[in-house]
Amino acid sequence: MLAQMTMGQFLEGGMLVCFGVSWPVSILKTLRTRRTEGKSLGFLVLIFVGYLCGIAAKLFRGFAANGCPESVTVLYALNAVFVATDIALYLRFRARCST
């Protein structure tokens, strides 16, 4: 699989891994403190939509070229799951803190 990756895909994967490390840290902090200060729902949603657009682009490009998506699509999906989790935690604990 690594031999089939272009340098661009490899670097894109590195970028997604670097970005992806921050989401579990953010999730763990929210779970530990049960607070949402410093987080913005609008920002989280914007990032989530961006990852969904990235997934769609990879799927369209991959299926048009050779019938299967690029391997970095998995990293986009993993990051989207992390951001969706962070959004869910934000909504859960924001409601709790505002009452």
N, C-alpha and C. Protein backbone atom coordinates (compact mmCIF):
# COMPACT_ATOMS: atom_id res chain seq x y z
N MET A 1 0.83 -1.19 0.00
CA MET A 1 0.00 0.00 0.00
C MET A 1 0.87 1.25 0.00
N LEU A 2 1.92 1.28 0.83
CA LEU A 2 2.78 2.47 0.90
C LEU A 2 3.49 2.71 -0.42
N ALA A 3 3.84 1.64 -1.13
CA ALA A 3 4.52 1.79 -2.42
C ALA A 3 3.62 2.44 -3.46
N GLN A 4 2.32 2.30 -3.32
CA GLN A 4 1.38 2.86 -4.28
C GLN A 4 1.04 4.33 -3.99
N MET A 5 1.40 4.81 -2.82
CA MET A 5 1.09 6.19 -2.45
C MET A 5 2.05 7.15 -3.14
N THR A 6 1.50 8.24 -3.61
CA THR A 6 2.35 9.28 -4.16
C THR A 6 2.89 10.12 -3.01
N MET A 7 3.89 10.93 -3.28
CA MET A 7 4.44 11.80 -2.24
C MET A 7 3.35 12.75 -1.73
N GLY A 8 2.49 13.23 -2.61
CA GLY A 8 1.40 14.10 -2.21
C GLY A 8 0.46 13.42 -1.23
N GLN A 9 0.12 12.17 -1.51
CA GLN A 9 -0.76 11.42 -0.62
C GLN A 9 -0.07 11.16 0.73
N PHE A 10 1.21 10.87 0.69
CA PHE A 10 1.97 10.64 1.91
C PHE A 10 1.99 11.89 2.79
N LEU A 11 2.26 13.04 2.17
CA LEU A 11 2.28 14.30 2.92
C LEU A 11 0.89 14.68 3.42
N GLU A 12 -0.13 14.44 2.60
CA GLU A 12 -1.50 14.70 3.02
C GLU A 12 -1.86 13.82 4.22
N GLY A 13 -1.43 12.57 4.17
CA GLY A 13 -1.66 11.67 5.30
C GLY A 13 -0.96 12.17 6.56
N GLY A 14 0.26 12.68 6.40
CA GLY A 14 0.98 13.25 7.54
C GLY A 14 0.24 14.43 8.14
N MET A 15 -0.30 15.29 7.28
CA MET A 15 -1.08 16.43 7.75
C MET A 15 -2.29 15.96 8.54
N LEU A 16 -3.00 14.96 8.01
CA LEU A 16 -4.20 14.47 8.67
C LEU A 16 -3.88 13.79 10.00
N VAL A 17 -2.75 13.11 10.07
CA VAL A 17 -2.33 12.50 11.34
C VAL A 17 -2.02 13.59 12.36
N CYS A 18 -1.30 14.62 11.94
CA CYS A 18 -0.98 15.72 12.85
C CYS A 18 -2.25 16.41 13.35
N PHE A 19 -3.18 16.70 12.45
CA PHE A 19 -4.45 17.30 12.87
C PHE A 19 -5.23 16.33 13.75
N GLY A 20 -5.19 15.07 13.38
CA GLY A 20 -5.96 14.04 14.08
C GLY A 20 -5.53 13.81 15.51
N VAL A 21 -4.30 14.12 15.84
CA VAL A 21 -3.82 13.93 17.21
C VAL A 21 -4.53 14.89 18.17
N SER A 22 -4.88 16.07 17.67
CA SER A 22 -5.49 17.07 18.55
C SER A 22 -6.91 16.69 18.97
N TRP A 23 -7.64 15.97 18.15
CA TRP A 23 -9.04 15.68 18.49
C TRP A 23 -9.19 14.76 19.69
N PRO A 24 -8.46 13.66 19.78
CA PRO A 24 -8.59 12.84 21.00
C PRO A 24 -8.18 13.59 22.26
N VAL A 25 -7.18 14.47 22.15
CA VAL A 25 -6.77 15.28 23.29
C VAL A 25 -7.91 16.19 23.72
N SER A 26 -8.56 16.83 22.76
CA SER A 26 -9.70 17.70 23.05
C SER A 26 -10.85 16.92 23.66
N ILE A 27 -11.11 15.75 23.13
CA ILE A 27 -12.19 14.90 23.64
C ILE A 27 -11.91 14.49 25.08
N LEU A 28 -10.69 14.05 25.34
CA LEU A 28 -10.32 13.62 26.70
C LEU A 28 -10.42 14.78 27.69
N LYS A 29 -10.01 15.97 27.27
CA LYS A 29 -10.11 17.14 28.15
C LYS A 29 -11.57 17.43 28.49
N THR A 30 -12.43 17.37 27.49
CA THR A 30 -13.85 17.62 27.73
C THR A 30 -14.45 16.57 28.65
N LEU A 31 -14.09 15.31 28.44
CA LEU A 31 -14.59 14.25 29.30
C LEU A 31 -14.09 14.41 30.74
N ARG A 32 -12.84 14.82 30.89
CA ARG A 32 -12.24 14.96 32.21
C ARG A 32 -12.85 16.15 32.97
N THR A 33 -13.01 17.29 32.29
CA THR A 33 -13.47 18.50 32.97
C THR A 33 -14.98 18.69 32.91
N ARG A 34 -15.61 18.04 31.93
CA ARG A 34 -17.05 18.21 31.69
C ARG A 34 -17.41 19.68 31.46
N ARG A 35 -16.51 20.40 30.81
CA ARG A 35 -16.71 21.81 30.52
C ARG A 35 -16.38 22.07 29.05
N THR A 36 -17.01 23.11 28.48
CA THR A 36 -16.83 23.41 27.06
C THR A 36 -16.22 24.78 26.80
N GLU A 37 -15.72 25.43 27.85
CA GLU A 37 -15.12 26.74 27.66
C GLU A 37 -13.99 26.67 26.64
N GLY A 38 -13.90 27.68 25.81
CA GLY A 38 -12.85 27.74 24.80
C GLY A 38 -13.19 27.00 23.51
N LYS A 39 -14.33 26.35 23.48
CA LYS A 39 -14.75 25.65 22.26
C LYS A 39 -15.87 26.43 21.60
N SER A 40 -15.92 26.33 20.29
CA SER A 40 -16.95 27.00 19.51
C SER A 40 -17.67 25.96 18.67
N LEU A 41 -18.98 25.88 18.84
CA LEU A 41 -19.77 24.94 18.05
C LEU A 41 -19.65 25.25 16.56
N GLY A 42 -19.69 26.53 16.21
CA GLY A 42 -19.56 26.91 14.81
C GLY A 42 -18.24 26.43 14.21
N PHE A 43 -17.15 26.58 14.95
CA PHE A 43 -15.85 26.14 14.48
C PHE A 43 -15.83 24.62 14.30
N LEU A 44 -16.35 23.90 15.29
CA LEU A 44 -16.37 22.43 15.20
C LEU A 44 -17.18 21.96 14.01
N VAL A 45 -18.33 22.57 13.79
CA VAL A 45 -19.18 22.19 12.65
C VAL A 45 -18.48 22.50 11.33
N LEU A 46 -17.82 23.64 11.26
CA LEU A 46 -17.09 24.01 10.05
C LEU A 46 -15.99 23.00 9.75
N ILE A 47 -15.25 22.59 10.76
CA ILE A 47 -14.20 21.57 10.57
C ILE A 47 -14.82 20.24 10.14
N PHE A 48 -15.94 19.86 10.76
CA PHE A 48 -16.61 18.62 10.40
C PHE A 48 -17.05 18.62 8.94
N VAL A 49 -17.67 19.71 8.52
CA VAL A 49 -18.10 19.83 7.12
C VAL A 49 -16.89 19.78 6.19
N GLY A 50 -15.79 20.39 6.60
CA GLY A 50 -14.57 20.33 5.80
C GLY A 50 -14.08 18.90 5.62
N TYR A 51 -14.10 18.12 6.69
CA TYR A 51 -13.70 16.72 6.57
C TYR A 51 -14.66 15.94 5.67
N LEU A 52 -15.96 16.21 5.78
CA LEU A 52 -16.92 15.54 4.90
C LEU A 52 -16.66 15.89 3.43
N CYS A 53 -16.33 17.16 3.17
CA CYS A 53 -15.98 17.56 1.80
C CYS A 53 -14.71 16.84 1.33
N GLY A 54 -13.74 16.71 2.22
CA GLY A 54 -12.52 15.99 1.87
C GLY A 54 -12.79 14.53 1.55
N ILE A 55 -13.65 13.90 2.33
CA ILE A 55 -14.03 12.51 2.07
C ILE A 55 -14.72 12.40 0.72
N ALA A 56 -15.66 13.28 0.46
CA ALA A 56 -16.38 13.25 -0.82
C ALA A 56 -15.43 13.45 -1.99
N ALA A 57 -14.50 14.39 -1.85
CA ALA A 57 -13.53 14.63 -2.93
C ALA A 57 -12.68 13.40 -3.19
N LYS A 58 -12.22 12.75 -2.13
CA LYS A 58 -11.39 11.55 -2.29
C LYS A 58 -12.19 10.42 -2.93
N LEU A 59 -13.45 10.28 -2.54
CA LEU A 59 -14.28 9.23 -3.13
C LEU A 59 -14.54 9.50 -4.60
N PHE A 60 -14.94 10.72 -4.94
CA PHE A 60 -15.19 11.05 -6.35
C PHE A 60 -13.94 10.86 -7.19
N ARG A 61 -12.82 11.38 -6.71
CA ARG A 61 -11.57 11.29 -7.47
C ARG A 61 -11.11 9.85 -7.62
N GLY A 62 -11.22 9.09 -6.54
CA GLY A 62 -10.78 7.70 -6.59
C GLY A 62 -11.63 6.84 -7.49
N PHE A 63 -12.93 6.98 -7.37
CA PHE A 63 -13.82 6.17 -8.21
C PHE A 63 -13.73 6.57 -9.67
N ALA A 64 -13.48 7.83 -9.95
CA ALA A 64 -13.34 8.27 -11.34
C ALA A 64 -12.03 7.77 -11.95
N ALA A 65 -11.00 7.69 -11.14
CA ALA A 65 -9.68 7.31 -11.67
C ALA A 65 -9.52 5.80 -11.80
N ASN A 66 -9.81 5.07 -10.73
CA ASN A 66 -9.52 3.63 -10.78
C ASN A 66 -10.54 2.77 -10.04
N GLY A 67 -11.62 3.35 -9.62
CA GLY A 67 -12.66 2.56 -8.99
C GLY A 67 -12.54 2.38 -7.49
N CYS A 68 -11.50 2.94 -6.88
CA CYS A 68 -11.41 2.84 -5.43
C CYS A 68 -10.80 4.12 -4.86
N PRO A 69 -11.21 4.48 -3.65
CA PRO A 69 -10.73 5.74 -3.07
C PRO A 69 -9.27 5.65 -2.64
N GLU A 70 -8.64 6.81 -2.51
CA GLU A 70 -7.26 6.86 -2.03
C GLU A 70 -7.21 6.40 -0.58
N SER A 71 -6.08 5.86 -0.17
CA SER A 71 -5.96 5.32 1.18
C SER A 71 -6.09 6.38 2.26
N VAL A 72 -5.75 7.64 1.97
CA VAL A 72 -5.85 8.68 2.99
C VAL A 72 -7.31 9.02 3.33
N THR A 73 -8.25 8.50 2.56
CA THR A 73 -9.66 8.73 2.84
C THR A 73 -10.02 8.22 4.23
N VAL A 74 -9.37 7.15 4.66
CA VAL A 74 -9.60 6.60 5.99
C VAL A 74 -9.25 7.62 7.07
N LEU A 75 -8.18 8.38 6.87
CA LEU A 75 -7.78 9.38 7.84
C LEU A 75 -8.78 10.53 7.90
N TYR A 76 -9.32 10.93 6.76
CA TYR A 76 -10.38 11.94 6.75
C TYR A 76 -11.58 11.43 7.56
N ALA A 77 -11.96 10.18 7.34
CA ALA A 77 -13.11 9.61 8.04
C ALA A 77 -12.85 9.51 9.54
N LEU A 78 -11.67 9.10 9.93
CA LEU A 78 -11.33 8.99 11.35
C LEU A 78 -11.39 10.37 12.02
N ASN A 79 -10.83 11.37 11.36
CA ASN A 79 -10.88 12.73 11.91
C ASN A 79 -12.32 13.22 12.00
N ALA A 80 -13.14 12.91 11.00
CA ALA A 80 -14.55 13.32 11.03
C ALA A 80 -15.27 12.68 12.22
N VAL A 81 -14.97 11.42 12.51
CA VAL A 81 -15.57 10.75 13.67
C VAL A 81 -15.13 11.44 14.96
N PHE A 82 -13.85 11.79 15.05
CA PHE A 82 -13.37 12.50 16.24
C PHE A 82 -14.08 13.84 16.42
N VAL A 83 -14.21 14.59 15.34
CA VAL A 83 -14.86 15.90 15.43
C VAL A 83 -16.34 15.73 15.77
N ALA A 84 -17.00 14.74 15.20
CA ALA A 84 -18.40 14.48 15.53
C ALA A 84 -18.54 14.14 17.01
N THR A 85 -17.61 13.39 17.55
CA THR A 85 -17.61 13.07 18.98
C THR A 85 -17.43 14.33 19.81
N ASP A 86 -16.51 15.20 19.39
CA ASP A 86 -16.29 16.45 20.09
C ASP A 86 -17.54 17.34 20.05
N ILE A 87 -18.23 17.35 18.91
CA ILE A 87 -19.48 18.11 18.80
C ILE A 87 -20.53 17.56 19.76
N ALA A 88 -20.67 16.24 19.80
CA ALA A 88 -21.65 15.62 20.70
C ALA A 88 -21.34 15.95 22.16
N LEU A 89 -20.08 15.89 22.53
CA LEU A 89 -19.69 16.23 23.90
C LEU A 89 -19.96 17.71 24.19
N TYR A 90 -19.67 18.55 23.21
CA TYR A 90 -19.92 19.98 23.38
C TYR A 90 -21.41 20.20 23.67
N LEU A 91 -22.27 19.59 22.88
CA LEU A 91 -23.71 19.77 23.05
C LEU A 91 -24.19 19.20 24.39
N ARG A 92 -23.64 18.08 24.76
CA ARG A 92 -24.03 17.46 26.04
C ARG A 92 -23.63 18.33 27.23
N PHE A 93 -22.39 18.76 27.28
CA PHE A 93 -21.90 19.47 28.44
C PHE A 93 -22.23 20.96 28.41
N ARG A 94 -22.46 21.52 27.24
CA ARG A 94 -22.90 22.91 27.17
C ARG A 94 -24.27 23.04 27.81
N ALA A 95 -25.15 22.12 27.51
CA ALA A 95 -26.50 22.15 28.08
C ALA A 95 -26.44 21.99 29.60
N ARG A 96 -25.55 21.16 30.07
CA ARG A 96 -25.41 20.91 31.50
C ARG A 96 -24.88 22.15 32.21
N CYS A 97 -23.92 22.84 31.62
CA CYS A 97 -23.29 23.99 32.26
C CYS A 97 -24.19 25.22 32.25
N SER A 98 -25.10 25.31 31.30
CA SER A 98 -25.92 26.53 31.18
C SER A 98 -27.11 26.53 32.13
N THR A 99 -27.39 25.41 32.78
CA THR A 99 -28.53 25.37 33.69
C THR A 99 -28.13 25.65 35.11
